[in-house]
């Protein structure tokens, strides 16, 4: 493009053959410094703001007992705590959104958000360094255009920055698929446990143990539910949180059914029996749908692998005869 070529010639004439690289690197440094300045402007991170109201009522009790203070800080990563201003979003909405996405991906730890932003920042810087190194060693800076400079220098940095988002998105989809496949089996086992005389809490613990080998994501969710119920949290709230963490329609419907059964006093076994039968039928319908899609997906491959050999077998004798007659 004329504008890029003119700018490249100007930078080359002003700062030498490495002028475009120096300009792009300086632009990247300026952007990073501006981002750091914006992060440092507000010292109070959203986690501190959201937890401030809850801490105000108990801070005096915690300070009076050093053991409780040590226990409260034991779960925090001190290395990431030093850089919390750089590794956390600046709004409560963004924090809640990324926390929910990481939970749906299976990352339940307290430092998951900070680790995610750290991975974005570190991979972006590493990609930028690798891009500059490749551009310097593999290409000729004197003949490269400004478009090539931007593509080879900033492209790896942008790819490194977006790689954690891509990874989390893939993890969310894989986990949702695993939960969808394992949910009907878990309902059948839960129904057996409840009909055998166990309570819902005991049934959830037993199902989590049985599902660990085949569907670990589903087992993790049931274990979280069991621990929250043991801690005294309201059962309907625990089940609702499970539906939000899973992000699967079947689980959300199951939560609604269980909450309604508890509200109206109907037997849990009857609700599980009806809903587990519905989930089995739904799984069969998904399998039939996938089977019906196979002929359409195989049409192109069948044509590519079958038609050329068939044409070769049918046409080659005629081609040989025509060749012999012409000679």
Protein backbone atom coordinates (compact mmCIF):
# COMPACT_ATOMS: atom_id res chain seq x y z
CA UNK A 1 0.00 0.00 0.00
CA UNK A 2 1.36 3.50 -0.80
CA UNK A 3 0.89 4.80 2.74
CA UNK A 4 2.73 1.87 4.31
CA UNK A 5 5.52 2.07 1.71
CA UNK A 6 5.95 5.81 2.26
CA UNK A 7 6.04 5.34 6.04
CA UNK A 8 8.54 2.49 5.69
CA UNK A 9 10.82 4.60 3.46
CA UNK A 10 10.61 7.49 5.93
CA UNK A 11 11.50 5.29 8.92
CA UNK A 12 14.30 3.59 6.98
CA UNK A 13 15.77 6.91 5.91
CA UNK A 14 15.50 8.37 9.39
CA UNK A 15 16.62 5.46 11.62
CA UNK A 16 18.36 3.13 9.18
CA UNK A 17 17.35 -0.31 7.88
CA UNK A 18 15.94 -1.34 11.28
CA UNK A 19 13.73 1.74 11.48
CA UNK A 20 10.37 -0.08 10.97
CA UNK A 21 11.28 -2.70 13.61
CA UNK A 22 12.30 0.00 16.08
CA UNK A 23 9.05 1.88 15.45
CA UNK A 24 6.88 -1.21 15.89
CA UNK A 25 8.75 -2.24 19.04
CA UNK A 26 8.45 1.26 20.47
CA UNK A 27 4.73 1.26 19.70
CA UNK A 28 4.33 -2.07 21.53
CA UNK A 29 6.26 -0.76 24.54
CA UNK A 30 4.10 2.39 24.64
CA UNK A 31 0.92 0.29 24.54
CA UNK A 32 2.17 -1.95 27.36
CA UNK A 33 3.19 1.06 29.48
CA UNK A 34 -0.22 2.71 28.95
CA UNK A 35 -1.96 -0.52 29.97
CA UNK A 36 0.18 -0.77 33.10
CA UNK A 37 -0.52 2.87 33.95
CA UNK A 38 -4.27 2.28 33.65
CA UNK A 39 -3.99 -0.80 35.86
CA UNK A 40 -2.07 1.05 38.50
CA UNK A 41 -4.50 3.96 38.60
CA UNK A 42 -6.94 2.07 40.83
CA UNK A 43 -5.26 0.18 43.64
CA UNK A 44 -8.46 -1.51 44.86
CA UNK A 45 -9.13 -4.58 42.77
CA UNK A 46 -12.72 -5.90 42.28
CA UNK A 47 -12.12 -8.89 44.55
CA UNK A 48 -11.25 -6.54 47.40
CA UNK A 49 -14.26 -4.34 46.65
CA UNK A 50 -16.67 -7.28 46.56
CA UNK A 51 -15.27 -8.78 49.75
CA UNK A 52 -14.94 -5.52 51.66
CA UNK A 53 -18.48 -5.56 53.02
CA UNK A 54 -18.13 -9.10 54.29
CA UNK A 55 -14.73 -8.50 55.84
CA UNK A 56 -15.73 -5.37 57.75
CA UNK A 57 -17.92 -7.37 60.13
CA UNK A 58 -15.29 -10.01 60.93
CA UNK A 59 -11.98 -8.16 60.67
CA UNK A 60 -11.75 -7.50 64.41
CA UNK A 61 -12.34 -11.19 65.22
CA UNK A 62 -9.73 -12.32 62.70
CA UNK A 63 -7.10 -9.91 64.01
CA UNK A 64 -7.68 -11.13 67.54
CA UNK A 65 -6.84 -14.71 66.50
CA UNK A 66 -3.56 -15.10 64.55
CA UNK A 67 -4.35 -18.72 63.68
CA UNK A 68 -7.52 -17.70 61.85
CA UNK A 69 -5.63 -14.96 60.02
CA UNK A 70 -3.01 -17.46 58.89
CA UNK A 71 -5.70 -19.93 57.82
CA UNK A 72 -7.53 -17.21 55.87
CA UNK A 73 -4.39 -16.37 53.89
CA UNK A 74 -3.27 -19.97 53.39
CA UNK A 75 -5.33 -20.46 50.22
CA UNK A 76 -4.00 -17.33 48.49
CA UNK A 77 -1.05 -17.48 46.13
CA UNK A 78 1.41 -14.94 47.55
CA UNK A 79 3.36 -14.69 44.30
CA UNK A 80 0.25 -13.70 42.36
CA UNK A 81 -0.95 -11.49 45.23
CA UNK A 82 2.00 -9.15 44.63
CA UNK A 83 0.85 -8.46 41.08
CA UNK A 84 -2.90 -8.40 41.63
CA UNK A 85 -3.19 -4.90 40.13
CA UNK A 86 -1.91 -6.29 36.82
CA UNK A 87 -3.72 -9.63 36.87
CA UNK A 88 -7.35 -8.73 37.67
CA UNK A 89 -10.12 -6.98 35.74
CA UNK A 90 -11.11 -3.47 36.77
CA UNK A 91 -14.88 -3.98 36.94
CA UNK A 92 -17.08 -6.35 38.93
CA UNK A 93 -19.05 -7.33 35.79
CA UNK A 94 -15.94 -8.42 33.92
CA UNK A 95 -14.68 -10.26 37.00
CA UNK A 96 -17.96 -12.15 37.40
CA UNK A 97 -18.04 -13.04 33.70
CA UNK A 98 -14.50 -14.42 33.56
CA UNK A 99 -14.96 -16.28 36.85
CA UNK A 100 -18.06 -18.01 35.51
CA UNK A 101 -16.32 -18.93 32.26
CA UNK A 102 -13.33 -20.37 34.12
CA UNK A 103 -15.65 -22.35 36.40
CA UNK A 104 -17.44 -23.76 33.36
CA UNK A 105 -14.00 -24.73 32.00
CA UNK A 106 -13.24 -26.62 35.23
CA UNK A 107 -10.87 -24.14 36.89
CA UNK A 108 -12.34 -23.64 40.36
CA UNK A 109 -9.33 -22.24 42.24
CA UNK A 110 -9.27 -18.79 43.85
CA UNK A 111 -6.35 -17.66 41.68
CA UNK A 112 -7.83 -18.84 38.38
CA UNK A 113 -8.64 -15.31 37.18
CA UNK A 114 -5.15 -14.02 37.99
CA UNK A 115 -3.53 -17.04 36.33
CA UNK A 116 -5.64 -16.47 33.21
CA UNK A 117 -4.59 -12.82 32.89
CA UNK A 118 -0.99 -13.76 33.68
CA UNK A 119 -1.04 -16.33 30.86
CA UNK A 120 -2.43 -13.73 28.45
CA UNK A 121 0.19 -11.15 29.42
CA UNK A 122 3.14 -13.58 29.39
CA UNK A 123 2.21 -15.31 26.12
CA UNK A 124 1.62 -11.95 24.44
CA UNK A 125 5.09 -10.71 25.44
CA UNK A 126 6.72 -14.02 24.44
CA UNK A 127 4.96 -13.94 21.07
CA UNK A 128 6.10 -10.37 20.49
CA UNK A 129 9.72 -11.31 21.28
CA UNK A 130 9.58 -14.37 19.01
CA UNK A 131 8.06 -12.29 16.21
CA UNK A 132 10.84 -9.71 16.42
CA UNK A 133 13.49 -12.43 16.49
CA UNK A 134 12.01 -14.23 13.47
CA UNK A 135 11.63 -11.01 11.51
CA UNK A 136 15.22 -10.01 12.24
CA UNK A 137 16.79 -13.38 11.41
CA UNK A 138 14.58 -14.81 8.65
CA UNK A 139 13.65 -11.68 6.67
CA UNK A 140 15.55 -8.76 5.25
CA UNK A 141 14.49 -5.60 7.11
CA UNK A 142 15.62 -3.42 4.21
CA UNK A 143 13.26 -5.01 1.67
CA UNK A 144 10.35 -5.79 4.01
CA UNK A 145 7.29 -3.57 3.80
CA UNK A 146 5.53 -2.03 6.76
CA UNK A 147 2.64 -4.48 6.33
CA UNK A 148 5.04 -7.43 6.59
CA UNK A 149 6.71 -5.85 9.61
CA UNK A 150 3.42 -5.46 11.44
CA UNK A 151 2.26 -8.95 10.47
CA UNK A 152 5.43 -10.80 11.51
CA UNK A 153 6.14 -8.74 14.64
CA UNK A 154 2.69 -8.07 16.11
CA UNK A 155 1.01 -11.20 14.72
CA UNK A 156 2.70 -13.70 17.10
CA UNK A 157 2.08 -11.35 20.03
CA UNK A 158 -1.64 -11.13 19.23
CA UNK A 159 -1.79 -14.92 18.77
CA UNK A 160 -0.12 -15.48 22.15
CA UNK A 161 -2.52 -13.04 23.82
CA UNK A 162 -5.60 -14.76 22.32
CA UNK A 163 -4.37 -18.32 22.92
CA UNK A 164 -5.66 -18.55 26.56
CA UNK A 165 -9.12 -17.37 25.45
CA UNK A 166 -9.18 -20.03 22.73
CA UNK A 167 -8.06 -22.68 25.21
CA UNK A 168 -10.75 -21.73 27.74
CA UNK A 169 -13.44 -21.73 25.05
CA UNK A 170 -12.41 -25.21 23.90
CA UNK A 171 -12.30 -26.45 27.49
CA UNK A 172 -15.82 -25.12 28.14
CA UNK A 173 -17.22 -26.88 25.08
CA UNK A 174 -15.46 -30.18 25.87
CA UNK A 175 -16.63 -30.06 29.48
CA UNK A 176 -20.23 -29.31 28.49
CA UNK A 177 -20.17 -32.26 26.09
CA UNK A 178 -18.77 -34.55 28.79
CA UNK A 179 -21.41 -33.43 31.29
CA UNK A 180 -24.17 -33.90 28.71
CA UNK A 181 -23.00 -37.46 27.99
CA UNK A 182 -22.59 -38.44 31.64
CA UNK A 183 -25.69 -36.79 33.08
CA UNK A 184 -28.26 -39.52 32.16
CA UNK A 185 -26.11 -42.24 33.74
CA UNK A 186 -25.68 -40.18 36.89
CA UNK A 187 -29.45 -39.76 37.20
CA UNK A 188 -30.00 -43.52 36.86
CA UNK A 189 -27.43 -44.23 39.59
CA UNK A 190 -28.91 -41.51 41.79
CA UNK A 191 -32.37 -43.03 41.36
CA UNK A 192 -31.05 -46.45 42.41
CA UNK A 193 -29.40 -44.96 45.49
CA UNK A 194 -32.50 -43.00 46.53
CA UNK A 195 -34.79 -46.01 46.06
CA UNK A 196 -32.34 -48.08 48.13
CA UNK A 197 -33.02 -45.78 51.08
CA UNK A 198 -30.19 -43.25 50.89
CA UNK A 199 -30.79 -39.54 51.23
CA UNK A 200 -30.10 -37.16 48.36
CA UNK A 201 -26.83 -36.02 49.95
CA UNK A 202 -25.57 -39.59 50.35
CA UNK A 203 -26.71 -40.47 46.83
CA UNK A 204 -24.78 -37.53 45.35
CA UNK A 205 -21.59 -38.56 47.18
CA UNK A 206 -21.91 -42.18 46.00
CA UNK A 207 -22.65 -41.14 42.40
CA UNK A 208 -19.63 -38.83 42.40
CA UNK A 209 -17.38 -41.75 43.40
CA UNK A 210 -18.84 -44.04 40.74
CA UNK A 211 -18.57 -41.45 37.95
CA UNK A 212 -14.95 -40.47 38.68
CA UNK A 213 -13.47 -42.98 36.22
CA UNK A 214 -15.75 -42.29 33.24
CA UNK A 215 -16.96 -38.69 33.63
CA UNK A 216 -14.60 -36.74 35.94
CA UNK A 217 -16.19 -33.36 35.19
CA UNK A 218 -19.62 -34.59 36.29
CA UNK A 219 -18.04 -36.15 39.39
CA UNK A 220 -16.36 -32.82 40.24
CA UNK A 221 -19.69 -31.01 40.09
CA UNK A 222 -21.38 -33.56 42.36
CA UNK A 223 -18.52 -33.36 44.85
CA UNK A 224 -18.81 -29.57 44.98
CA UNK A 225 -22.55 -29.93 45.61
CA UNK A 226 -21.92 -32.48 48.39
CA UNK A 227 -19.31 -30.28 50.11
CA UNK A 228 -21.56 -27.21 49.95
CA UNK A 229 -24.48 -29.14 51.41
CA UNK A 230 -22.25 -30.41 54.23
CA UNK A 231 -21.21 -26.82 54.91
CA UNK A 232 -24.84 -25.92 55.56
CA UNK A 233 -25.66 -24.05 52.37
CA UNK A 234 -29.27 -24.06 51.22
CA UNK A 235 -30.00 -27.02 48.96
CA UNK A 236 -31.87 -25.06 46.30
CA UNK A 237 -29.07 -22.49 46.12
CA UNK A 238 -26.46 -25.24 45.81
CA UNK A 239 -28.33 -26.89 42.94
CA UNK A 240 -28.86 -23.54 41.20
CA UNK A 241 -25.14 -22.81 41.43
CA UNK A 242 -24.44 -26.22 39.93
CA UNK A 243 -26.69 -25.41 36.97
CA UNK A 244 -24.85 -22.14 36.37
CA UNK A 245 -21.42 -23.77 36.62
CA UNK A 246 -22.29 -26.56 34.19
CA UNK A 247 -23.94 -24.31 31.61
CA UNK A 248 -25.90 -27.29 30.24
CA UNK A 249 -29.65 -27.06 29.56
CA UNK A 250 -30.33 -30.58 30.86
CA UNK A 251 -28.69 -29.84 34.20
CA UNK A 252 -30.57 -26.54 34.54
CA UNK A 253 -33.86 -28.34 33.89
CA UNK A 254 -32.93 -30.98 36.46
CA UNK A 255 -32.24 -28.25 39.03
CA UNK A 256 -35.66 -26.74 38.34
CA UNK A 257 -37.35 -30.13 38.77
CA UNK A 258 -35.56 -30.82 42.07
CA UNK A 259 -36.36 -27.36 43.46
CA UNK A 260 -40.03 -27.76 42.52
CA UNK A 261 -40.11 -31.23 44.07
CA UNK A 262 -38.70 -29.83 47.31
CA UNK A 263 -41.09 -26.86 47.27
CA UNK A 264 -44.28 -28.89 46.69
CA UNK A 265 -43.23 -31.87 48.83
CA UNK A 266 -43.39 -34.53 46.13
CA UNK A 267 -41.12 -37.61 46.48
CA UNK A 268 -37.64 -37.09 45.05
CA UNK A 269 -37.59 -40.67 43.72
CA UNK A 270 -40.63 -40.03 41.51
CA UNK A 271 -39.07 -36.85 40.10
CA UNK A 272 -35.79 -38.66 39.43
CA UNK A 273 -37.55 -41.59 37.77
CA UNK A 274 -39.49 -39.38 35.35
CA UNK A 275 -36.58 -37.09 34.56
CA UNK A 276 -34.05 -39.92 34.14
CA UNK A 277 -36.38 -41.63 31.64
CA UNK A 278 -36.65 -38.34 29.76
CA UNK A 279 -32.86 -37.96 29.71
CA UNK A 280 -32.45 -41.51 28.35
CA UNK A 281 -34.91 -40.75 25.55
CA UNK A 282 -33.08 -37.51 24.84
CA UNK A 283 -29.75 -39.33 24.61
CA UNK A 284 -31.24 -41.82 22.14
CA UNK A 285 -32.57 -38.92 20.06
CA UNK A 286 -29.13 -37.29 20.02
CA UNK A 287 -27.57 -40.56 18.85
CA UNK A 288 -30.19 -40.92 16.09
CA UNK A 289 -29.60 -37.32 15.03
CA UNK A 290 -25.84 -37.92 14.81
CA UNK A 291 -26.45 -41.12 12.81
CA UNK A 292 -28.76 -39.32 10.38
CA UNK A 293 -26.08 -36.70 9.73
CA UNK A 294 -23.50 -39.31 8.70
CA UNK A 295 -24.76 -39.93 5.12
CA UNK A 296 -24.61 -36.21 4.35
CA UNK A 297 -21.13 -35.87 5.81
CA UNK A 298 -19.88 -38.97 3.98
CA UNK A 299 -21.22 -37.94 0.57
CA UNK A 300 -18.25 -35.75 -0.38
CA UNK A 301 -15.67 -38.24 0.92
CA UNK A 302 -17.42 -41.10 -0.88
CA UNK A 303 -17.44 -39.18 -4.15
CA UNK A 304 -13.76 -38.24 -3.84
CA UNK A 305 -12.63 -41.77 -2.98
CA UNK A 306 -14.99 -43.78 -5.19
CA UNK A 307 -15.68 -41.83 -8.38
CA UNK A 308 -12.05 -41.33 -9.60
CA UNK A 309 -11.12 -45.06 -9.38
CA UNK A 310 -14.43 -45.98 -11.00
CA UNK A 311 -13.86 -43.57 -13.87
CA UNK A 312 -10.32 -44.88 -14.26
CA UNK A 313 -11.58 -48.47 -14.49
CA UNK A 314 -14.33 -47.61 -16.98
CA UNK A 315 -12.51 -45.12 -19.19
CA UNK A 316 -8.99 -46.58 -19.33
CA UNK A 317 -9.85 -49.49 -21.75
CA UNK A 318 -11.42 -47.04 -24.20
CA UNK A 319 -8.41 -44.74 -23.96
CA UNK A 320 -6.05 -47.66 -24.65
CA UNK A 321 -8.09 -48.80 -27.68
CA UNK A 322 -8.23 -45.29 -29.14
CA UNK A 323 -4.48 -44.95 -28.68
CA UNK A 324 -3.81 -48.27 -30.46
CA UNK A 325 -6.13 -47.38 -33.36
CA UNK A 326 -4.49 -43.96 -33.84
CA UNK A 327 -1.05 -45.61 -34.05
